[in-house]
C-alpha atoms as a PDB file:
ATOM      1  CA  MET A   1       0.000   0.000   0.000  1.00  0.00           C
ATOM      2  CA  GLU A   2       1.529   3.304  -1.056  1.00  0.00           C
ATOM      3  CA  PRO A   3       1.899   6.079   1.650  1.00  0.00           C
ATOM      4  CA  LYS A   4      -0.327   9.080   1.281  1.00  0.00           C
ATOM      5  CA  VAL A   5       1.427  12.358   0.393  1.00  0.00           C
ATOM      6  CA  ASN A   6       0.114  15.658   1.743  1.00  0.00           C
ATOM      7  CA  TYR A   7       0.485  17.742  -1.422  1.00  0.00           C
ATOM      8  CA  THR A   8      -0.732  20.849   0.382  1.00  0.00           C
ATOM      9  CA  LEU A   9       2.189  20.755   2.842  1.00  0.00           C
ATOM     10  CA  VAL A  10       4.651  20.041   0.041  1.00  0.00           C
ATOM     11  CA  GLY A  11       3.347  22.987  -2.015  1.00  0.00           C
ATOM     12  CA  LEU A  12       3.417  25.265   1.022  1.00  0.00           C
ATOM     13  CA  PHE A  13       7.019  24.246   1.752  1.00  0.00           C
ATOM     14  CA  ILE A  14       8.109  24.925  -1.838  1.00  0.00           C
ATOM     15  CA  ALA A  15       6.360  28.338  -1.813  1.00  0.00           C
ATOM     16  CA  LEU A  16       8.040  29.330   1.478  1.00  0.00           C
ATOM     17  CA  LEU A  17      11.414  28.165   0.165  1.00  0.00           C
ATOM     18  CA  GLY A  18      10.958  30.255  -2.996  1.00  0.00           C
ATOM     19  CA  VAL A  19      10.059  33.350  -0.973  1.00  0.00           C
ATOM     20  CA  ALA A  20      13.100  32.808   1.236  1.00  0.00           C
ATOM     21  CA  LEU A  21      15.385  32.469  -1.798  1.00  0.00           C
ATOM     22  CA  LEU A  22      13.931  35.608  -3.364  1.00  0.00           C
ATOM     23  CA  ALA A  23      14.399  37.566  -0.131  1.00  0.00           C
ATOM     24  CA  GLY A  24      17.980  36.326   0.090  1.00  0.00           C
ATOM     25  CA  VAL A  25      18.734  37.447  -3.457  1.00  0.00           C
ATOM     26  CA  LEU A  26      17.263  40.892  -2.775  1.00  0.00           C
ATOM     27  CA  TRP A  27      19.247  41.187   0.462  1.00  0.00           C
ATOM     28  CA  LEU A  28      22.489  40.158  -1.228  1.00  0.00           C
ATOM     29  CA  SER A  29      21.900  42.692  -4.012  1.00  0.00           C
ATOM     30  CA  GLN A  30      22.032  45.451  -1.380  1.00  0.00           C
ATOM     31  CA  THR A  31      25.062  44.138   0.508  1.00  0.00           C
ATOM     32  CA  ASP A  32      28.581  42.935  -0.065  1.00  0.00           C
ATOM     33  CA  TYR A  33      31.428  41.947   2.213  1.00  0.00           C
ATOM     34  CA  ARG A  34      31.479  45.483   3.616  1.00  0.00           C
ATOM     35  CA  GLY A  35      27.809  45.732   4.577  1.00  0.00           C
ATOM     36  CA  VAL A  36      24.790  47.712   3.511  1.00  0.00           C
ATOM     37  CA  TYR A  37      24.958  50.576   1.025  1.00  0.00           C
ATOM     38  CA  ASP A  38      23.172  53.937   1.115  1.00  0.00           C
ATOM     39  CA  ARG A  39      22.263  55.680  -2.134  1.00  0.00           C
ATOM     40  CA  TYR A  40      23.385  59.268  -2.886  1.00  0.00           C
ATOM     41  CA  TYR A  41      23.186  61.490  -5.975  1.00  0.00           C
ATOM     42  CA  THR A  42      25.740  63.996  -7.256  1.00  0.00           C
ATOM     43  CA  TYR A  43      25.500  66.202 -10.351  1.00  0.00           C
ATOM     44  CA  MET A  44      28.474  67.005 -12.606  1.00  0.00           C
ATOM     45  CA  ASP A  45      28.689  69.879 -15.124  1.00  0.00           C
ATOM     46  CA  GLU A  46      31.579  68.270 -16.988  1.00  0.00           C
ATOM     47  CA  SER A  47      32.261  65.169 -19.081  1.00  0.00           C
ATOM     48  CA  VAL A  48      32.410  61.884 -17.140  1.00  0.00           C
ATOM     49  CA  THR A  49      34.515  60.066 -19.747  1.00  0.00           C
ATOM     50  CA  GLY A  50      36.278  57.101 -18.121  1.00  0.00           C
ATOM     51  CA  LEU A  51      33.623  56.729 -15.418  1.00  0.00           C
ATOM     52  CA  SER A  52      31.569  53.537 -15.567  1.00  0.00           C
ATOM     53  CA  ASN A  53      29.217  51.563 -13.409  1.00  0.00           C
ATOM     54  CA  ASP A  54      31.067  49.957 -10.471  1.00  0.00           C
ATOM     55  CA  SER A  55      33.821  52.598 -10.645  1.00  0.00           C
ATOM     56  CA  SER A  56      35.330  53.263  -7.238  1.00  0.00           C
ATOM     57  CA  VAL A  57      34.080  55.925  -4.868  1.00  0.00           C
ATOM     58  CA  LYS A  58      36.827  57.051  -2.500  1.00  0.00           C
ATOM     59  CA  TYR A  59      36.677  59.168   0.641  1.00  0.00           C
ATOM     60  CA  ARG A  60      40.057  60.828   1.167  1.00  0.00           C
ATOM     61  CA  GLY A  61      41.590  57.989  -0.882  1.00  0.00           C
ATOM     62  CA  VAL A  62      39.800  55.132   0.932  1.00  0.00           C
ATOM     63  CA  ASP A  63      37.324  52.943  -1.004  1.00  0.00           C
ATOM     64  CA  VAL A  64      33.866  53.544   0.460  1.00  0.00           C
ATOM     65  CA  GLY A  65      31.525  52.571  -2.373  1.00  0.00           C
ATOM     66  CA  ARG A  66      30.876  52.324  -6.071  1.00  0.00           C
ATOM     67  CA  VAL A  67      29.169  54.107  -8.935  1.00  0.00           C
ATOM     68  CA  LYS A  68      25.781  52.573  -9.511  1.00  0.00           C
ATOM     69  CA  GLU A  69      24.563  54.624 -12.452  1.00  0.00           C
ATOM     70  CA  SER A  70      25.469  57.701 -14.519  1.00  0.00           C
ATOM     71  CA  ILE A  71      22.824  59.302 -16.754  1.00  0.00           C
ATOM     72  CA  LEU A  72      21.931  62.729 -18.082  1.00  0.00           C
ATOM     73  CA  ASN A  73      19.976  64.767 -15.549  1.00  0.00           C
ATOM     74  CA  PRO A  74      16.311  64.484 -16.607  1.00  0.00           C
ATOM     75  CA  ASP A  75      15.752  68.073 -15.419  1.00  0.00           C
ATOM     76  CA  ASN A  76      18.893  69.556 -16.982  1.00  0.00           C
ATOM     77  CA  PRO A  77      20.588  67.816 -19.946  1.00  0.00           C
ATOM     78  CA  GLU A  78      23.729  69.925 -19.400  1.00  0.00           C
ATOM     79  CA  GLN A  79      24.420  67.929 -16.217  1.00  0.00           C
ATOM     80  CA  VAL A  80      25.228  64.282 -15.544  1.00  0.00           C
ATOM     81  CA  ARG A  81      23.503  62.640 -12.592  1.00  0.00           C
ATOM     82  CA  ILE A  82      25.662  60.028 -10.888  1.00  0.00           C
ATOM     83  CA  ALA A  83      24.135  57.555  -8.441  1.00  0.00           C
ATOM     84  CA  LEU A  84      26.588  56.502  -5.709  1.00  0.00           C
ATOM     85  CA  ASP A  85      26.227  53.478  -3.428  1.00  0.00           C
ATOM     86  CA  ILE A  86      28.248  54.286  -0.303  1.00  0.00           C
ATOM     87  CA  VAL A  87      28.835  51.954   2.638  1.00  0.00           C
ATOM     88  CA  ARG A  88      26.417  52.770   5.436  1.00  0.00           C
ATOM     89  CA  GLY A  89      28.127  54.551   8.282  1.00  0.00           C
ATOM     90  CA  THR A  90      30.462  56.580   6.052  1.00  0.00           C
ATOM     91  CA  PRO A  91      30.374  60.164   7.436  1.00  0.00           C
ATOM     92  CA  ILE A  92      28.891  62.006   4.462  1.00  0.00           C
ATOM     93  CA  LYS A  93      28.433  65.581   5.749  1.00  0.00           C
ATOM     94  CA  GLU A  94      26.693  68.626   4.297  1.00  0.00           C
ATOM     95  CA  ASP A  95      30.060  70.125   3.329  1.00  0.00           C
ATOM     96  CA  THR A  96      31.318  66.933   1.637  1.00  0.00           C
ATOM     97  CA  VAL A  97      32.258  67.574  -2.017  1.00  0.00           C
ATOM     98  CA  ALA A  98      32.502  65.110  -4.927  1.00  0.00           C
ATOM     99  CA  VAL A  99      35.294  65.550  -7.515  1.00  0.00           C
ATOM    100  CA  LEU A 100      36.166  63.460 -10.570  1.00  0.00           C
ATOM    101  CA  GLU A 101      39.774  62.251 -10.643  1.00  0.00           C
ATOM    102  CA  THR A 102      41.545  60.509 -13.525  1.00  0.00           C
ATOM    103  CA  GLN A 103      44.042  57.807 -12.561  1.00  0.00           C
ATOM    104  CA  GLY A 104      47.310  58.507 -14.399  1.00  0.00           C
ATOM    105  CA  LEU A 105      47.584  57.430 -18.051  1.00  0.00           C
ATOM    106  CA  THR A 106      44.991  54.642 -17.786  1.00  0.00           C
ATOM    107  CA  GLY A 107      42.072  57.042 -18.238  1.00  0.00           C
ATOM    108  CA  ILE A 108      40.092  55.335 -15.465  1.00  0.00           C
ATOM    109  CA  THR A 109      38.001  57.906 -13.594  1.00  0.00           C
ATOM    110  CA  THR A 110      36.907  57.648  -9.968  1.00  0.00           C
ATOM    111  CA  VAL A 111      34.763  59.802  -7.702  1.00  0.00           C
ATOM    112  CA  ASN A 112      36.732  61.237  -4.798  1.00  0.00           C
ATOM    113  CA  LEU A 113      34.921  62.711  -1.789  1.00  0.00           C
ATOM    114  CA  THR A 114      36.645  65.498   0.158  1.00  0.00           C
ATOM    115  CA  GLY A 115      35.727  67.890   2.942  1.00  0.00           C
ATOM    116  CA  GLY A 116      33.302  66.737   5.583  1.00  0.00           C
ATOM    117  CA  THR A 117      34.356  68.535   8.760  1.00  0.00           C
ATOM    118  CA  ARG A 118      33.621  67.001  12.139  1.00  0.00           C
ATOM    119  CA  ALA A 119      31.257  69.778  13.220  1.00  0.00           C
ATOM    120  CA  ALA A 120      29.133  69.659  10.048  1.00  0.00           C
ATOM    121  CA  PRO A 121      25.782  67.802  10.208  1.00  0.00           C
ATOM    122  CA  LEU A 122      25.220  64.569   8.317  1.00  0.00           C
ATOM    123  CA  LEU A 123      23.831  64.949   4.809  1.00  0.00           C
ATOM    124  CA  LYS A 124      20.139  64.108   4.482  1.00  0.00           C
ATOM    125  CA  ALA A 125      17.668  64.227   1.618  1.00  0.00           C
ATOM    126  CA  LYS A 126      15.852  67.549   1.338  1.00  0.00           C
ATOM    127  CA  PRO A 127      12.120  67.822   0.657  1.00  0.00           C
ATOM    128  CA  GLY A 128      11.438  66.722  -2.908  1.00  0.00           C
ATOM    129  CA  GLU A 129      14.711  64.737  -3.203  1.00  0.00           C
ATOM    130  CA  LYS A 130      14.620  60.960  -3.569  1.00  0.00           C
ATOM    131  CA  PHE A 131      18.169  60.593  -2.227  1.00  0.00           C
ATOM    132  CA  PRO A 132      20.615  62.996  -0.512  1.00  0.00           C
ATOM    133  CA  VAL A 133      22.589  65.095  -3.032  1.00  0.00           C
ATOM    134  CA  ILE A 134      26.345  65.543  -2.550  1.00  0.00           C
ATOM    135  CA  LYS A 135      27.763  68.852  -3.788  1.00  0.00           C
ATOM    136  CA  SER A 136      30.299  68.712  -6.614  1.00  0.00           C
ATOM    137  CA  GLN A 137      33.084  70.883  -7.917  1.00  0.00           C
ATOM    138  CA  PRO A 138      35.030  70.862 -11.223  1.00  0.00           C
ATOM    139  CA  SER A 139      38.035  68.591 -11.546  1.00  0.00           C
ATOM    140  CA  PHE A 140      41.534  70.002 -11.888  1.00  0.00           C
ATOM    141  CA  TYR A 141      41.608  69.390 -15.647  1.00  0.00           C
ATOM    142  CA  THR A 142      38.257  71.122 -16.119  1.00  0.00           C
ATOM    143  CA  GLN A 143      39.440  74.164 -14.152  1.00  0.00           C
ATOM    144  CA  LEU A 144      42.643  74.292 -16.207  1.00  0.00           C
ATOM    145  CA  THR A 145      40.729  73.968 -19.492  1.00  0.00           C
ATOM    146  CA  ARG A 146      38.342  76.763 -18.549  1.00  0.00           C
ATOM    147  CA  SER A 147      41.193  79.061 -17.546  1.00  0.00           C
ATOM    148  CA  LEU A 148      43.022  78.452 -20.821  1.00  0.00           C
ATOM    149  CA  ALA A 149      39.785  79.060 -22.727  1.00  0.00           C
ATOM    150  CA  ARG A 150      39.362  82.408 -20.972  1.00  0.00           C
ATOM    151  CA  LEU A 151      42.937  83.317 -21.871  1.00  0.00           C
ATOM    152  CA  THR A 152      42.456  82.524 -25.546  1.00  0.00           C
ATOM    153  CA  THR A 153      39.370  84.745 -25.670  1.00  0.00           C
ATOM    154  CA  ASN A 154      40.968  87.520 -23.646  1.00  0.00           C
ATOM    155  CA  GLN A 155      41.678  90.716 -25.573  1.00  0.00           C
ATOM    156  CA  GLN A 156      45.152  90.907 -24.015  1.00  0.00           C
ATOM    157  CA  LEU A 157      46.412  87.916 -26.008  1.00  0.00           C
ATOM    158  CA  PRO A 158      46.236  89.588 -29.467  1.00  0.00           C
ATOM    159  CA  ALA A 159      47.835  92.704 -27.959  1.00  0.00           C
ATOM    160  CA  LEU A 160      50.633  90.550 -26.530  1.00  0.00           C
ATOM    161  CA  LEU A 161      51.308  88.961 -29.916  1.00  0.00           C
ATOM    162  CA  ASP A 162      51.266  92.357 -31.615  1.00  0.00           C
ATOM    163  CA  ASN A 163      53.763  93.740 -29.083  1.00  0.00           C
ATOM    164  CA  LEU A 164      56.082  90.771 -29.567  1.00  0.00           C
ATOM    165  CA  ASN A 165      55.914  91.155 -33.352  1.00  0.00           C
ATOM    166  CA  ALA A 166      56.606  94.879 -33.074  1.00  0.00           C
ATOM    167  CA  LEU A 167      59.544  94.202 -30.763  1.00  0.00           C
ATOM    168  CA  THR A 168      60.976  91.729 -33.274  1.00  0.00           C
ATOM    169  CA  ARG A 169      60.625  94.222 -36.111  1.00  0.00           C
ATOM    170  CA  GLU A 170      62.306  96.978 -34.102  1.00  0.00           C
ATOM    171  CA  ALA A 171      65.215  94.719 -33.186  1.00  0.00           C
ATOM    172  CA  ARG A 172      65.590  93.691 -36.825  1.00  0.00           C
ATOM    173  CA  GLY A 173      65.487  97.340 -37.892  1.00  0.00           C
ATOM    174  CA  MET A 174      68.259  98.337 -35.490  1.00  0.00           C
ATOM    175  CA  LEU A 175      70.455  95.498 -36.714  1.00  0.00           C
ATOM    176  CA  ASP A 176      69.864  95.810 -40.454  1.00  0.00           C
ATOM    177  CA  ALA A 177      72.511  95.092 -43.069  1.00  0.00           C
ATOM    178  CA  GLN A 178      73.654  98.726 -43.288  1.00  0.00           C
ATOM    179  CA  SER A 179      74.210  98.948 -39.526  1.00  0.00           C
ATOM    180  CA  ARG A 180      76.192  95.721 -39.495  1.00  0.00           C
ATOM    181  CA  ALA A 181      78.232  96.898 -42.438  1.00  0.00           C
ATOM    182  CA  ASP A 182      78.981 100.212 -40.704  1.00  0.00           C
ATOM    183  CA  PHE A 183      80.104  98.430 -37.558  1.00  0.00           C
ATOM    184  CA  LYS A 184      82.291  96.036 -39.518  1.00  0.00           C
ATOM    185  CA  ARG A 185      83.798  98.938 -41.425  1.00  0.00           C
ATOM    186  CA  MET A 186      84.573 100.751 -38.178  1.00  0.00           C
ATOM    187  CA  LEU A 187      86.477  97.744 -36.846  1.00  0.00           C
ATOM    188  CA  GLY A 188      88.429  97.534 -40.069  1.00  0.00           C
ATOM    189  CA  ASP A 189      89.322 101.212 -39.845  1.00  0.00           C
ATOM    190  CA  LEU A 190      90.522 100.842 -36.261  1.00  0.00           C
ATOM    191  CA  ALA A 191      92.727  97.923 -37.263  1.00  0.00           C
ATOM    192  CA  GLN A 192      94.103 100.008 -40.087  1.00  0.00           C
ATOM    193  CA  ILE A 193      94.946 102.811 -37.649  1.00  0.00           C
ATOM    194  CA  ALA A 194      96.948 100.460 -35.430  1.00  0.00           C
ATOM    195  CA  LYS A 195      98.807  99.107 -38.402  1.00  0.00           C
ATOM    196  CA  THR A 196      99.542 102.581 -39.685  1.00  0.00           C
ATOM    197  CA  ILE A 197     100.918 103.721 -36.318  1.00  0.00           C
ATOM    198  CA  ALA A 198     103.265 100.762 -36.237  1.00  0.00           C
ATOM    199  CA  GLY A 199     104.743 101.001 -39.692  1.00  0.00           C
ATOM    200  CA  ARG A 200     103.277 103.734 -41.855  1.00  0.00           C
ATOM    201  CA  ARG A 201     103.216 106.972 -39.968  1.00  0.00           C
ATOM    202  CA  ALA A 202     102.941 108.887 -43.177  1.00  0.00           C
ATOM    203  CA  GLU A 203      99.401 107.667 -43.699  1.00  0.00           C
ATOM    204  CA  LEU A 204      98.337 108.280 -40.096  1.00  0.00           C
ATOM    205  CA  ALA A 205      96.409 111.432 -40.886  1.00  0.00           C
ATOM    206  CA  ASP A 206      94.411 109.756 -43.638  1.00  0.00           C
ATOM    207  CA  SER A 207      93.546 106.819 -41.377  1.00  0.00           C
ATOM    208  CA  ILE A 208      92.386 109.163 -38.650  1.00  0.00           C
ATOM    209  CA  VAL A 209      90.009 110.791 -41.093  1.00  0.00           C
ATOM    210  CA  LYS A 210      88.597 107.404 -42.089  1.00  0.00           C
ATOM    211  CA  ALA A 211      88.200 106.450 -38.445  1.00  0.00           C
ATOM    212  CA  ASP A 212      86.389 109.703 -37.769  1.00  0.00           C
ATOM    213  CA  THR A 213      83.997 108.935 -40.608  1.00  0.00           C
ATOM    214  CA  ALA A 214      83.354 105.462 -39.234  1.00  0.00           C
ATOM    215  CA  LEU A 215      82.704 106.881 -35.771  1.00  0.00           C
ATOM    216  CA  ASP A 216      80.190 109.285 -37.258  1.00  0.00           C
ATOM    217  CA  ARG A 217      78.388 106.354 -38.803  1.00  0.00           C
ATOM    218  CA  PHE A 218      78.446 104.461 -35.504  1.00  0.00           C
ATOM    219  CA  ALA A 219      77.124 107.547 -33.720  1.00  0.00           C
ATOM    220  CA  ALA A 220      74.238 107.674 -36.175  1.00  0.00           C
ATOM    221  CA  VAL A 221      73.409 104.049 -35.331  1.00  0.00           C
ATOM    222  CA  GLY A 222      73.563 104.888 -31.608  1.00  0.00           C
ATOM    223  CA  LYS A 223      71.318 107.907 -32.085  1.00  0.00           C
ATOM    224  CA  LYS A 224      68.772 105.757 -33.886  1.00  0.00           C
ATOM    225  CA  LEU A 225      68.914 103.272 -31.035  1.00  0.00           C
ATOM    226  CA  ASP A 226      68.383 106.046 -28.459  1.00  0.00           C
ATOM    227  CA  GLU A 227      65.349 107.335 -30.358  1.00  0.00           C
ATOM    228  CA  ARG A 228      63.676 103.943 -30.607  1.00  0.00           C
ATOM    229  CA  LEU A 229      64.728 102.465 -27.260  1.00  0.00           C
ATOM    230  CA  PRO A 230      61.969 104.064 -25.073  1.00  0.00           C
ATOM    231  CA  GLU A 231      59.246 102.796 -27.381  1.00  0.00           C
ATOM    232  CA  VAL A 232      60.787  99.326 -27.455  1.00  0.00           C
ATOM    233  CA  LEU A 233      61.036  99.295 -23.656  1.00  0.00           C
ATOM    234  CA  ASP A 234      57.375 100.317 -23.356  1.00  0.00           C
ATOM    235  CA  GLN A 235      56.350  97.488 -25.650  1.00  0.00           C
ATOM    236  CA  THR A 236      58.518  95.059 -23.700  1.00  0.00           C
ATOM    237  CA  THR A 237      56.926  96.192 -20.422  1.00  0.00           C
ATOM    238  CA  ALA A 238      53.430  95.659 -21.840  1.00  0.00           C
ATOM    239  CA  SER A 239      54.421  92.200 -23.060  1.00  0.00           C
ATOM    240  CA  VAL A 240      55.848  91.229 -19.667  1.00  0.00           C
ATOM    241  CA  ARG A 241      52.680  92.500 -17.942  1.00  0.00           C
ATOM    242  CA  ALA A 242      50.467  90.436 -20.229  1.00  0.00           C
ATOM    243  CA  LEU A 243      52.625  87.345 -19.693  1.00  0.00           C
ATOM    244  CA  ARG A 244      52.390  87.871 -15.936  1.00  0.00           C
ATOM    245  CA  ASP A 245      48.584  88.013 -16.173  1.00  0.00           C
ATOM    246  CA  MET A 246      48.576  84.750 -18.101  1.00  0.00           C
ATOM    247  CA  THR A 247      50.846  83.149 -15.484  1.00  0.00           C
ATOM    248  CA  ASP A 248      48.523  84.298 -12.694  1.00  0.00           C
ATOM    249  CA  GLU A 249      45.527  82.687 -14.453  1.00  0.00           C
ATOM    250  CA  ILE A 250      47.310  79.314 -14.783  1.00  0.00           C
ATOM    251  CA  ALA A 251      48.519  79.518 -11.179  1.00  0.00           C
ATOM    252  CA  ARG A 252      44.959  80.088  -9.977  1.00  0.00           C
ATOM    253  CA  ALA A 253      43.796  77.062 -12.051  1.00  0.00           C
ATOM    254  CA  GLY A 254      46.354  74.869 -10.325  1.00  0.00           C
ATOM    255  CA  ALA A 255      45.712  76.250  -6.819  1.00  0.00           C
ATOM    256  CA  ARG A 256      44.359  73.954  -4.113  1.00  0.00           C
ATOM    257  CA  LEU A 257      41.601  74.621  -1.583  1.00  0.00           C
ATOM    258  CA  ILE A 258      42.548  74.715   2.095  1.00  0.00           C
ATOM    259  CA  PRO A 259      40.190  72.332   3.951  1.00  0.00           C
ATOM    260  CA  ARG A 260      38.193  73.632   6.890  1.00  0.00           C
ATOM    261  CA  HIS A 261      39.829  71.245   9.349  1.00  0.00           C
ATOM    262  CA  VAL A 262      43.138  73.159   9.094  1.00  0.00           C
ATOM    263  CA  ARG A 263      43.334  75.095  12.372  1.00  0.00           C
ATOM    264  CA  TYR A 264      46.439  77.190  11.827  1.00  0.00           C
ATOM    265  CA  LEU A 265      47.486  78.989   8.654  1.00  0.00           C
ATOM    266  CA  ILE A 266      50.717  81.028   8.456  1.00  0.00           C
ATOM    267  CA  VAL A 267      50.861  83.745   5.790  1.00  0.00           C
ATOM    268  CA  GLU A 268      54.082  85.666   4.973  1.00  0.00           C
ATOM    269  CA  GLY A 269      54.460  88.804   2.911  1.00  0.00           C
ATOM    270  CA  ASN A 270      55.766  92.370   2.901  1.00  0.00           C
ATOM    271  CA  TYR A 271      52.462  94.151   2.246  1.00  0.00           C
ATOM    272  CA  LEU A 272      50.043  92.159   4.453  1.00  0.00           C
ATOM    273  CA  LEU A 273      49.719  94.991   7.025  1.00  0.00           C
ATOM    274  CA  LEU A 274      49.853  97.862   4.520  1.00  0.00           C
ATOM    275  CA  ARG A 275      47.211 100.539   5.132  1.00  0.00           C
ATOM    276  CA  GLN A 276      46.725 101.039   1.402  1.00  0.00           C
ATOM    277  CA  PRO A 277      43.990  99.175  -0.531  1.00  0.00           C
ATOM    278  CA  PRO A 278      43.583  96.389  -1.353  1.00  0.00           C
ATOM    279  CA  TRP A 279      46.004  95.236   1.364  1.00  0.00           C
ATOM    280  CA  SER A 280      44.183  97.199   4.089  1.00  0.00           C
ATOM    281  CA  SER A 281      41.227  94.789   3.895  1.00  0.00           C
ATOM    282  CA  LEU A 282      43.390  91.855   5.069  1.00  0.00           C
ATOM    283  CA  ARG A 283      44.160  93.148   8.593  1.00  0.00           C
ATOM    284  CA  ASP A 284      40.941  91.914  10.195  1.00  0.00           C
ATOM    285  CA  MET A 285      41.457  88.381   8.839  1.00  0.00           C
ATOM    286  CA  PHE A 286      44.582  87.747  10.967  1.00  0.00           C
ATOM    287  CA  ASP A 287      44.349  86.522  14.563  1.00  0.00           C
ATOM    288  CA  VAL A 288      48.006  87.312  15.354  1.00  0.00           C
ATOM    289  CA  THR A 289      50.450  89.501  13.418  1.00  0.00           C
ATOM    290  CA  ILE A 290      54.245  89.705  13.735  1.00  0.00           C
ATOM    291  CA  MET A 291      56.516  92.327  12.150  1.00  0.00           C
ATOM    292  CA  ILE A 292      60.269  91.707  11.745  1.00  0.00           C
ATOM    293  CA  ASP A 293      61.936  95.127  12.008  1.00  0.00           C
ATOM    294  CA  LEU A 294      65.607  95.565  11.075  1.00  0.00           C
ATOM    295  CA  PRO A 295      67.790  98.667  10.790  1.00  0.00           C
ATOM    296  CA  GLU A 296      67.942  99.895   7.234  1.00  0.00           C
ATOM    297  CA  GLU A 297      71.699  99.385   7.021  1.00  0.00           C
ATOM    298  CA  THR A 298      71.373  95.744   8.119  1.00  0.00           C
ATOM    299  CA  LEU A 299      68.644  95.244   5.508  1.00  0.00           C
ATOM    300  CA  ARG A 300      70.861  96.833   2.845  1.00  0.00           C
ATOM    301  CA  GLN A 301      73.781  94.523   3.705  1.00  0.00           C
ATOM    302  CA  ARG A 302      71.588  91.413   3.484  1.00  0.00           C
ATOM    303  CA  LEU A 303      70.054  92.492   0.196  1.00  0.00           C
ATOM    304  CA  VAL A 304      73.492  93.122  -1.320  1.00  0.00           C
ATOM    305  CA  ALA A 305      74.645  89.692  -0.126  1.00  0.00           C
ATOM    306  CA  ARG A 306      71.593  88.040  -1.662  1.00  0.00           C
ATOM    307  CA  TRP A 307      72.123  89.629  -5.092  1.00  0.00           C
ATOM    308  CA  GLN A 308      75.841  88.830  -4.933  1.00  0.00           C
ATOM    309  CA  ALA A 309      74.899  85.160  -4.497  1.00  0.00           C
ATOM    310  CA  TYR A 310      73.141  85.396  -7.890  1.00  0.00           C
ATOM    311  CA  GLY A 311      76.357  86.601  -9.518  1.00  0.00           C
ATOM    312  CA  LEU A 312      75.163  90.135 -10.328  1.00  0.00           C
ATOM    313  CA  SER A 313      77.644  92.947 -10.889  1.00  0.00           C
ATOM    314  CA  PRO A 314      78.009  95.754  -8.296  1.00  0.00           C
ATOM    315  CA  ASP A 315      76.364  98.284 -10.620  1.00  0.00           C
ATOM    316  CA  VAL A 316      73.314  96.101 -11.176  1.00  0.00           C
ATOM    317  CA  ILE A 317      73.099  95.322  -7.455  1.00  0.00           C
ATOM    318  CA  ALA A 318      73.172  99.045  -6.612  1.00  0.00           C
ATOM    319  CA  VAL A 319      70.283  99.725  -9.011  1.00  0.00           C
ATOM    320  CA  LYS A 320      68.189  96.874  -7.581  1.00  0.00           C
ATOM    321  CA  VAL A 321      68.852  97.665  -3.925  1.00  0.00           C
ATOM    322  CA  GLU A 322      68.602 101.464  -4.000  1.00  0.00           C
ATOM    323  CA  GLY A 323      66.022 101.729  -6.770  1.00  0.00           C
ATOM    324  CA  ASN A 324      63.590  98.995  -5.680  1.00  0.00           C
ATOM    325  CA  ASP A 325      64.346  96.993  -2.517  1.00  0.00           C
ATOM    326  CA  ILE A 326      65.114  99.803  -0.045  1.00  0.00           C
ATOM    327  CA  PRO A 327      62.178 102.018  -1.203  1.00  0.00           C
ATOM    328  CA  ASN A 328      59.847  99.032  -0.788  1.00  0.00           C
ATOM    329  CA  GLY A 329      61.249  98.405   2.681  1.00  0.00           C
ATOM    330  CA  ARG A 330      60.643 102.031   3.675  1.00  0.00           C
ATOM    331  CA  LEU A 331      57.074 101.836   2.363  1.00  0.00           C
ATOM    332  CA  VAL A 332      56.372  98.713   4.433  1.00  0.00           C
ATOM    333  CA  ARG A 333      57.976 100.283   7.504  1.00  0.00           C
ATOM    334  CA  ASP A 334      56.183 103.648   7.299  1.00  0.00           C
ATOM    335  CA  ALA A 335      52.766 102.681   5.858  1.00  0.00           C
ATOM    336  CA  SER A 336      51.981  99.413   7.662  1.00  0.00           C
ATOM    337  CA  ALA A 337      49.535  99.015  10.540  1.00  0.00           C
ATOM    338  CA  PRO A 338      51.096  98.149  13.915  1.00  0.00           C
ATOM    339  CA  ALA A 339      51.662  94.411  14.418  1.00  0.00           C
ATOM    340  CA  ASP A 340      50.760  92.504  17.575  1.00  0.00           C
ATOM    341  CA  PHE A 341      54.412  91.579  18.036  1.00  0.00           C
ATOM    342  CA  ALA A 342      57.628  93.120  16.690  1.00  0.00           C
ATOM    343  CA  LEU A 343      60.881  91.204  16.331  1.00  0.00           C
ATOM    344  CA  ALA A 344      64.087  93.180  16.001  1.00  0.00           C
END
């Protein structure tokens, strides 16, 4: 006689087992060996080339999650919305910032989280947001590209090129073939004078006349140089100023932000306490100020020693020290606000 089978119990067991397996799959899809993930959004205004699903999310260089999805922002097609799965318990604060970073020459892009001071509150979803949104800022390469783009559209760049071209033309004009020929002729005449003095005194007078003519020609070249030199110097100064502006733009593109957790910041400079704008607006930003005050003669000796270390001649050193360094030192000494401490 065959045993009776309770098909109801068997079906109920299979159904419960299926539900348990489904629940296990769903639970495993939300966890890995590090635990449960929380979902965050961040929005980028730049290209996310090299970023893919499962790309690393790092917090100060430590892996804390992965990229789950990257799509165009449905509300703004000029932005990319990136969904981040971050290990639960990671201190994502309101001042945490997301930045794209490219790893060397491989082209692999990761999301790096910075900021997040201890005193800042934890980031939570605002009304109307499905998930909390982490602030973002442009990557280093994007900042550099934007700065270079501004430079190429700046009106100073064509002026710089025009000044350099004009400078080249002026230099070529002062050293044209006629000027070189005159200078060469003058050297030949001087050699002829020496030879005449040694062995042909009878022709000395004629050689002196030729030398005088050559000197007149050289004087004409010098006069032309004197007439054109101020204009050339002005053009050179404008070119140097434009180059300095370009250097400042690139320097600002490569600058780094000082995080809020830095407690002490030391700033050094000659004009930081100057009463003249724009320096006068800096005084209230300093908690403690220190002025190093030296006798002018001691300052002069140290400046001379510094320029001597660069191999400059005494005449050049005198121009630099007396024409620039010492006047600047007097300005700082006489026009600066009193410091909290003075070191002699």
